[in-house]
PDB file of N, CA and C in Angstrom:
ATOM      1  N   MET A   1     -44.756  32.095 -96.766  1.00  0.00           N
ATOM      2  CA  MET A   1     -45.201  31.175 -97.809  1.00  0.00           C
ATOM      3  C   MET A   1     -46.580  30.632 -97.475  1.00  0.00           C
ATOM      4  N   LEU A   2     -47.327  30.442 -98.495  1.00  0.00           N
ATOM      5  CA  LEU A   2     -48.647  29.855 -98.316  1.00  0.00           C
ATOM      6  C   LEU A   2     -48.530  28.343 -98.149  1.00  0.00           C
ATOM      7  N   LYS A   3     -49.561  27.756 -97.568  1.00  0.00           N
ATOM      8  CA  LYS A   3     -49.567  26.303 -97.363  1.00  0.00           C
ATOM      9  C   LYS A   3     -49.403  25.584 -98.699  1.00  0.00           C
ATOM     10  N   LYS A   4     -50.023  26.110 -99.743  1.00  0.00           N
ATOM     11  CA  LYS A   4     -49.924  25.510-101.081  1.00  0.00           C
ATOM     12  C   LYS A   4     -48.468  25.504-101.556  1.00  0.00           C
ATOM     13  N   ASP A   5     -47.769  26.615-101.351  1.00  0.00           N
ATOM     14  CA  ASP A   5     -46.362  26.722-101.750  1.00  0.00           C
ATOM     15  C   ASP A   5     -45.489  25.761-100.950  1.00  0.00           C
ATOM     16  N   LEU A   6     -45.774  25.660 -99.651  1.00  0.00           N
ATOM     17  CA  LEU A   6     -44.997  24.767 -98.805  1.00  0.00           C
ATOM     18  C   LEU A   6     -45.221  23.311 -99.195  1.00  0.00           C
ATOM     19  N   THR A   7     -46.449  22.964 -99.521  1.00  0.00           N
ATOM     20  CA  THR A   7     -46.764  21.599 -99.949  1.00  0.00           C
ATOM     21  C   THR A   7     -46.032  21.265-101.243  1.00  0.00           C
ATOM     22  N   LYS A   8     -46.002  22.222-102.164  1.00  0.00           N
ATOM     23  CA  LYS A   8     -45.292  22.025-103.431  1.00  0.00           C
ATOM     24  C   LYS A   8     -43.792  21.855-103.188  1.00  0.00           C
ATOM     25  N   LYS A   9     -43.236  22.660-102.303  1.00  0.00           N
ATOM     26  CA  LYS A   9     -41.809  22.588-101.986  1.00  0.00           C
ATOM     27  C   LYS A   9     -41.471  21.244-101.338  1.00  0.00           C
ATOM     28  N   VAL A  10     -42.307  20.783-100.437  1.00  0.00           N
ATOM     29  CA  VAL A  10     -42.096  19.479 -99.791  1.00  0.00           C
ATOM     30  C   VAL A  10     -42.123  18.367-100.832  1.00  0.00           C
ATOM     31  N   ALA A  11     -43.050  18.436-101.762  1.00  0.00           N
ATOM     32  CA  ALA A  11     -43.133  17.426-102.821  1.00  0.00           C
ATOM     33  C   ALA A  11     -41.865  17.432-103.670  1.00  0.00           C
ATOM     34  N   GLN A  12     -41.351  18.607-103.987  1.00  0.00           N
ATOM     35  CA  GLN A  12     -40.112  18.706-104.766  1.00  0.00           C
ATOM     36  C   GLN A  12     -38.940  18.100-103.995  1.00  0.00           C
ATOM     37  N   LEU A  13     -38.852  18.410-102.713  1.00  0.00           N
ATOM     38  CA  LEU A  13     -37.769  17.894-101.887  1.00  0.00           C
ATOM     39  C   LEU A  13     -37.871  16.375-101.727  1.00  0.00           C
ATOM     40  N   GLU A  14     -39.078  15.860-101.601  1.00  0.00           N
ATOM     41  CA  GLU A  14     -39.265  14.407-101.507  1.00  0.00           C
ATOM     42  C   GLU A  14     -38.826  13.728-102.799  1.00  0.00           C
ATOM     43  N   PHE A  15     -39.116  14.336-103.934  1.00  0.00           N
ATOM     44  CA  PHE A  15     -38.721  13.798-105.229  1.00  0.00           C
ATOM     45  C   PHE A  15     -37.194  13.776-105.342  1.00  0.00           C
ATOM     46  N   ILE A  16     -36.559  14.881-104.973  1.00  0.00           N
ATOM     47  CA  ILE A  16     -35.094  14.957-105.023  1.00  0.00           C
ATOM     48  C   ILE A  16     -34.479  13.924-104.081  1.00  0.00           C
ATOM     49  N   ASN A  17     -35.040  13.797-102.894  1.00  0.00           N
ATOM     50  CA  ASN A  17     -34.550  12.812-101.931  1.00  0.00           C
ATOM     51  C   ASN A  17     -34.657  11.401-102.503  1.00  0.00           C
ATOM     52  N   ASP A  18     -35.772  11.080-103.123  1.00  0.00           N
ATOM     53  CA  ASP A  18     -35.947   9.755-103.727  1.00  0.00           C
ATOM     54  C   ASP A  18     -34.905   9.494-104.804  1.00  0.00           C
ATOM     55  N   GLN A  19     -34.620  10.510-105.622  1.00  0.00           N
ATOM     56  CA  GLN A  19     -33.607  10.367-106.665  1.00  0.00           C
ATOM     57  C   GLN A  19     -32.238  10.106-106.059  1.00  0.00           C
ATOM     58  N   LEU A  20     -31.891  10.856-105.024  1.00  0.00           N
ATOM     59  CA  LEU A  20     -30.588  10.707-104.385  1.00  0.00           C
ATOM     60  C   LEU A  20     -30.443   9.346-103.710  1.00  0.00           C
ATOM     61  N   VAL A  21     -31.480   8.898-103.036  1.00  0.00           N
ATOM     62  CA  VAL A  21     -31.452   7.575-102.395  1.00  0.00           C
ATOM     63  C   VAL A  21     -31.270   6.489-103.439  1.00  0.00           C
ATOM     64  N   THR A  22     -31.994   6.596-104.540  1.00  0.00           N
ATOM     65  CA  THR A  22     -31.871   5.611-105.615  1.00  0.00           C
ATOM     66  C   THR A  22     -30.457   5.599-106.178  1.00  0.00           C
ATOM     67  N   GLU A  23     -29.878   6.763-106.390  1.00  0.00           N
ATOM     68  CA  GLU A  23     -28.517   6.856-106.928  1.00  0.00           C
ATOM     69  C   GLU A  23     -27.497   6.271-105.956  1.00  0.00           C
ATOM     70  N   LEU A  24     -27.650   6.560-104.671  1.00  0.00           N
ATOM     71  CA  LEU A  24     -26.738   6.002-103.676  1.00  0.00           C
ATOM     72  C   LEU A  24     -26.853   4.478-103.599  1.00  0.00           C
ATOM     73  N   GLU A  25     -28.064   3.969-103.698  1.00  0.00           N
ATOM     74  CA  GLU A  25     -28.253   2.520-103.698  1.00  0.00           C
ATOM     75  C   GLU A  25     -27.576   1.891-104.909  1.00  0.00           C
ATOM     76  N   TYR A  26     -27.672   2.541-106.058  1.00  0.00           N
ATOM     77  CA  TYR A  26     -27.042   2.044-107.278  1.00  0.00           C
ATOM     78  C   TYR A  26     -25.516   2.051-107.144  1.00  0.00           C
ATOM     79  N   ILE A  27     -24.966   3.146-106.618  1.00  0.00           N
ATOM     80  CA  ILE A  27     -23.516   3.239-106.430  1.00  0.00           C
ATOM     81  C   ILE A  27     -23.054   2.192-105.419  1.00  0.00           C
ATOM     82  N   ASP A  28     -23.830   1.968-104.383  1.00  0.00           N
ATOM     83  CA  ASP A  28     -23.510   0.947-103.390  1.00  0.00           C
ATOM     84  C   ASP A  28     -23.458  -0.432-104.047  1.00  0.00           C
ATOM     85  N   THR A  29     -24.428  -0.718-104.902  1.00  0.00           N
ATOM     86  CA  THR A  29     -24.458  -1.996-105.621  1.00  0.00           C
ATOM     87  C   THR A  29     -23.237  -2.142-106.524  1.00  0.00           C
ATOM     88  N   LEU A  30     -22.896  -1.079-107.239  1.00  0.00           N
ATOM     89  CA  LEU A  30     -21.715  -1.118-108.102  1.00  0.00           C
ATOM     90  C   LEU A  30     -20.445  -1.367-107.291  1.00  0.00           C
ATOM     91  N   ALA A  31     -20.325  -0.706-106.157  1.00  0.00           N
ATOM     92  CA  ALA A  31     -19.146  -0.882-105.307  1.00  0.00           C
ATOM     93  C   ALA A  31     -19.037  -2.330-104.842  1.00  0.00           C
ATOM     94  N   ARG A  32     -20.161  -2.925-104.471  1.00  0.00           N
ATOM     95  CA  ARG A  32     -20.163  -4.337-104.052  1.00  0.00           C
ATOM     96  C   ARG A  32     -19.749  -5.249-105.210  1.00  0.00           C
ATOM     97  N   GLN A  33     -20.222  -4.936-106.415  1.00  0.00           N
ATOM     98  CA  GLN A  33     -19.856  -5.729-107.587  1.00  0.00           C
ATOM     99  C   GLN A  33     -18.366  -5.600-107.900  1.00  0.00           C
ATOM    100  N   LEU A  34     -17.779  -4.471-107.546  1.00  0.00           N
ATOM    101  CA  LEU A  34     -16.349  -4.255-107.765  1.00  0.00           C
ATOM    102  C   LEU A  34     -15.493  -4.910-106.686  1.00  0.00           C
ATOM    103  N   GLY A  35     -16.136  -5.444-105.667  1.00  0.00           N
ATOM    104  CA  GLY A  35     -15.400  -6.160-104.628  1.00  0.00           C
ATOM    105  C   GLY A  35     -15.298  -5.448-103.298  1.00  0.00           C
ATOM    106  N   PHE A  36     -15.941  -4.310-103.158  1.00  0.00           N
ATOM    107  CA  PHE A  36     -15.960  -3.629-101.870  1.00  0.00           C
ATOM    108  C   PHE A  36     -17.041  -4.293-101.024  1.00  0.00           C
ATOM    109  N   GLU A  37     -16.595  -5.081-100.050  1.00  0.00           N
ATOM    110  CA  GLU A  37     -17.476  -5.971 -99.298  1.00  0.00           C
ATOM    111  C   GLU A  37     -18.710  -5.282 -98.710  1.00  0.00           C
ATOM    112  N   ASN A  38     -18.510  -4.098 -98.145  1.00  0.00           N
ATOM    113  CA  ASN A  38     -19.628  -3.371 -97.535  1.00  0.00           C
ATOM    114  C   ASN A  38     -20.087  -2.199 -98.385  1.00  0.00           C
ATOM    115  N   GLY A  39     -19.870  -2.295 -99.680  1.00  0.00           N
ATOM    116  CA  GLY A  39     -20.354  -1.277-100.604  1.00  0.00           C
ATOM    117  C   GLY A  39     -19.729   0.082-100.395  1.00  0.00           C
ATOM    118  N   LEU A  40     -20.572   1.087-100.362  1.00  0.00           N
ATOM    119  CA  LEU A  40     -20.110   2.472-100.244  1.00  0.00           C
ATOM    120  C   LEU A  40     -19.265   2.716 -98.999  1.00  0.00           C
ATOM    121  N   ARG A  41     -19.644   2.088 -97.911  1.00  0.00           N
ATOM    122  CA  ARG A  41     -18.898   2.279 -96.666  1.00  0.00           C
ATOM    123  C   ARG A  41     -17.433   1.868 -96.865  1.00  0.00           C
ATOM    124  N   THR A  42     -17.212   0.700 -97.474  1.00  0.00           N
ATOM    125  CA  THR A  42     -15.858   0.221 -97.710  1.00  0.00           C
ATOM    126  C   THR A  42     -15.150   1.069 -98.756  1.00  0.00           C
ATOM    127  N   LEU A  43     -15.875   1.490 -99.784  1.00  0.00           N
ATOM    128  CA  LEU A  43     -15.300   2.336-100.829  1.00  0.00           C
ATOM    129  C   LEU A  43     -14.832   3.668-100.247  1.00  0.00           C
ATOM    130  N   LYS A  44     -15.647   4.274 -99.395  1.00  0.00           N
ATOM    131  CA  LYS A  44     -15.266   5.546 -98.771  1.00  0.00           C
ATOM    132  C   LYS A  44     -14.017   5.373 -97.912  1.00  0.00           C
ATOM    133  N   LYS A  45     -13.950   4.278 -97.158  1.00  0.00           N
ATOM    134  CA  LYS A  45     -12.780   4.037 -96.314  1.00  0.00           C
ATOM    135  C   LYS A  45     -11.541   3.868 -97.175  1.00  0.00           C
ATOM    136  N   ALA A  46     -11.652   3.110 -98.271  1.00  0.00           N
ATOM    137  CA  ALA A  46     -10.507   2.913 -99.162  1.00  0.00           C
ATOM    138  C   ALA A  46     -10.055   4.244 -99.759  1.00  0.00           C
ATOM    139  N   ALA A  47     -10.995   5.079-100.149  1.00  0.00           N
ATOM    140  CA  ALA A  47     -10.660   6.383-100.720  1.00  0.00           C
ATOM    141  C   ALA A  47      -9.969   7.261 -99.677  1.00  0.00           C
ATOM    142  N   LYS A  48     -10.480   7.284 -98.451  1.00  0.00           N
ATOM    143  CA  LYS A  48      -9.864   8.080 -97.387  1.00  0.00           C
ATOM    144  C   LYS A  48      -8.461   7.577 -97.077  1.00  0.00           C
ATOM    145  N   ASP A  49      -8.305   6.249 -97.031  1.00  0.00           N
ATOM    146  CA  ASP A  49      -6.982   5.674 -96.770  1.00  0.00           C
ATOM    147  C   ASP A  49      -5.998   6.056 -97.872  1.00  0.00           C
ATOM    148  N   LEU A  50      -6.450   6.014 -99.103  1.00  0.00           N
ATOM    149  CA  LEU A  50      -5.588   6.364-100.232  1.00  0.00           C
ATOM    150  C   LEU A  50      -5.178   7.837-100.167  1.00  0.00           C
ATOM    151  N   ILE A  51      -6.123   8.701 -99.870  1.00  0.00           N
ATOM    152  CA  ILE A  51      -5.825  10.131 -99.744  1.00  0.00           C
ATOM    153  C   ILE A  51      -4.843  10.363 -98.606  1.00  0.00           C
ATOM    154  N   GLU A  52      -5.089   9.707 -97.470  1.00  0.00           N
ATOM    155  CA  GLU A  52      -4.187   9.858 -96.326  1.00  0.00           C
ATOM    156  C   GLU A  52      -2.789   9.359 -96.679  1.00  0.00           C
ATOM    157  N   GLU A  53      -2.713   8.229 -97.356  1.00  0.00           N
ATOM    158  CA  GLU A  53      -1.418   7.678 -97.758  1.00  0.00           C
ATOM    159  C   GLU A  53      -0.686   8.649 -98.684  1.00  0.00           C
ATOM    160  N   GLN A  54      -1.400   9.247 -99.609  1.00  0.00           N
ATOM    161  CA  GLN A  54      -0.778  10.201-100.520  1.00  0.00           C
ATOM    162  C   GLN A  54      -0.285  11.429 -99.770  1.00  0.00           C
ATOM    163  N   ASN A  55      -1.045  11.877 -98.792  1.00  0.00           N
ATOM    164  CA  ASN A  55      -0.636  13.040 -98.003  1.00  0.00           C
ATOM    165  C   ASN A  55       0.592  12.719 -97.160  1.00  0.00           C
ATOM    166  N   ILE A  56       0.671  11.521 -96.616  1.00  0.00           N
ATOM    167  CA  ILE A  56       1.820  11.112 -95.824  1.00  0.00           C
ATOM    168  C   ILE A  56       3.064  11.041 -96.698  1.00  0.00           C
ATOM    169  N   ASP A  57       2.908  10.540 -97.923  1.00  0.00           N
ATOM    170  CA  ASP A  57       4.033  10.409 -98.832  1.00  0.00           C
ATOM    171  C   ASP A  57       4.462  11.763 -99.409  1.00  0.00           C
ATOM    172  N   GLY A  58       3.700  12.805 -99.138  1.00  0.00           N
ATOM    173  CA  GLY A  58       4.043  14.117 -99.650  1.00  0.00           C
ATOM    174  C   GLY A  58       3.676  14.310-101.104  1.00  0.00           C
ATOM    175  N   SER A  59       2.807  13.472-101.608  1.00  0.00           N
ATOM    176  CA  SER A  59       2.449  13.568-103.029  1.00  0.00           C
ATOM    177  C   SER A  59       1.023  14.075-103.216  1.00  0.00           C
ATOM    178  N   GLU A  60       0.577  14.953-102.338  1.00  0.00           N
ATOM    179  CA  GLU A  60      -0.782  15.478-102.434  1.00  0.00           C
ATOM    180  C   GLU A  60      -1.006  16.313-103.680  1.00  0.00           C
ATOM    181  N   ASP A  61       0.081  16.785-104.305  1.00  0.00           N
ATOM    182  CA  ASP A  61      -0.041  17.566-105.530  1.00  0.00           C
ATOM    183  C   ASP A  61      -0.437  16.687-106.720  1.00  0.00           C
ATOM    184  N   ALA A  62      -0.354  15.370-106.565  1.00  0.00           N
ATOM    185  CA  ALA A  62      -0.642  14.449-107.660  1.00  0.00           C
ATOM    186  C   ALA A  62      -2.129  14.371-107.977  1.00  0.00           C
ATOM    187  N   MET A  63      -2.991  14.941-107.099  1.00  0.00           N
ATOM    188  CA  MET A  63      -4.435  14.869-107.339  1.00  0.00           C
ATOM    189  C   MET A  63      -4.885  15.834-108.359  1.00  0.00           C
TER     190      MET A  63
END
């Protein structure tokens, strides 16, 4: 790849990264507004706990 192509690719990746960071920040804010004290971190833990609980109960087919 030429330097010009690499520079263009880096710019595209930086743009995508900025979009993803913004979206994650928004989801984190929403999670906090819903009562998840630590935002996404707490939401992920709750989701994992729920999945684990369902697997323990043998109801994994319910997903």
